[in-house]
Amino acid sequence: MRDIILLQCKECKNRNYSTRKNKKNTTEKLNLKKYCKFDKRHTEHKEVKA
């Protein structure tokens, strides 16, 4: 079952992105490099609770 998760910027703490994740196959939290429109650069984004 795929669940909706939110991705939060580690720099500015804004929740910029939402995506889906299969929690059975991927049990650890996601860490992705995404563009933050508030910082105007690419930063690490981590998974947080919706």
Protein backbone atom coordinates (compact mmCIF):
# COMPACT_ATOMS: atom_id res chain seq x y z
CA MET A 1 0.00 0.00 0.00
CA ARG A 2 1.37 3.38 -0.99
CA ASP A 3 1.12 6.22 1.53
CA ILE A 4 1.47 9.95 0.96
CA ILE A 5 4.49 11.47 2.71
CA LEU A 6 5.78 15.04 3.02
CA LEU A 7 9.35 16.16 2.42
CA GLN A 8 10.72 18.91 4.67
CA CYS A 9 13.77 21.04 3.90
CA LYS A 10 16.57 20.58 6.44
CA GLU A 11 17.71 24.19 6.04
CA CYS A 12 14.52 26.29 6.27
CA LYS A 13 12.18 23.62 7.76
CA ASN A 14 9.42 24.26 5.18
CA ARG A 15 7.42 21.32 3.87
CA ASN A 16 7.89 21.78 0.13
CA TYR A 17 7.06 18.45 -1.51
CA SER A 18 4.64 15.56 -1.17
CA THR A 19 5.19 12.15 -2.70
CA ARG A 20 4.11 8.52 -2.35
CA LYS A 21 6.06 5.68 -0.78
CA ASN A 22 5.50 1.96 -0.44
CA LYS A 23 6.14 1.42 3.28
CA LYS A 24 6.48 -2.36 2.94
CA ASN A 25 9.44 -2.12 0.54
CA THR A 26 11.04 1.07 1.88
CA THR A 27 10.98 1.04 5.66
CA GLU A 28 13.62 3.72 6.31
CA LYS A 29 12.91 7.45 5.94
CA LEU A 30 13.64 9.11 2.61
CA ASN A 31 16.39 11.71 2.23
CA LEU A 32 16.40 13.38 -1.18
CA LYS A 33 18.14 16.39 -2.70
CA LYS A 34 15.40 18.67 -4.00
CA TYR A 35 15.14 22.33 -4.99
CA CYS A 36 13.93 24.63 -2.20
CA LYS A 37 12.17 27.71 -3.56
CA PHE A 38 12.66 29.54 -0.26
CA ASP A 39 16.46 29.02 -0.17
CA LYS A 40 16.70 29.20 -3.99
CA ARG A 41 19.08 26.22 -4.15
CA HIS A 42 19.18 22.44 -3.90
CA THR A 43 19.09 21.15 -0.31
CA GLU A 44 18.48 17.88 1.51
CA HIS A 45 14.83 17.10 2.17
CA LYS A 46 13.79 14.47 4.72
CA GLU A 47 10.56 12.58 5.19
CA VAL A 48 8.18 13.82 7.89
CA LYS A 49 4.73 12.69 9.05
CA ALA A 50 1.80 13.99 7.04
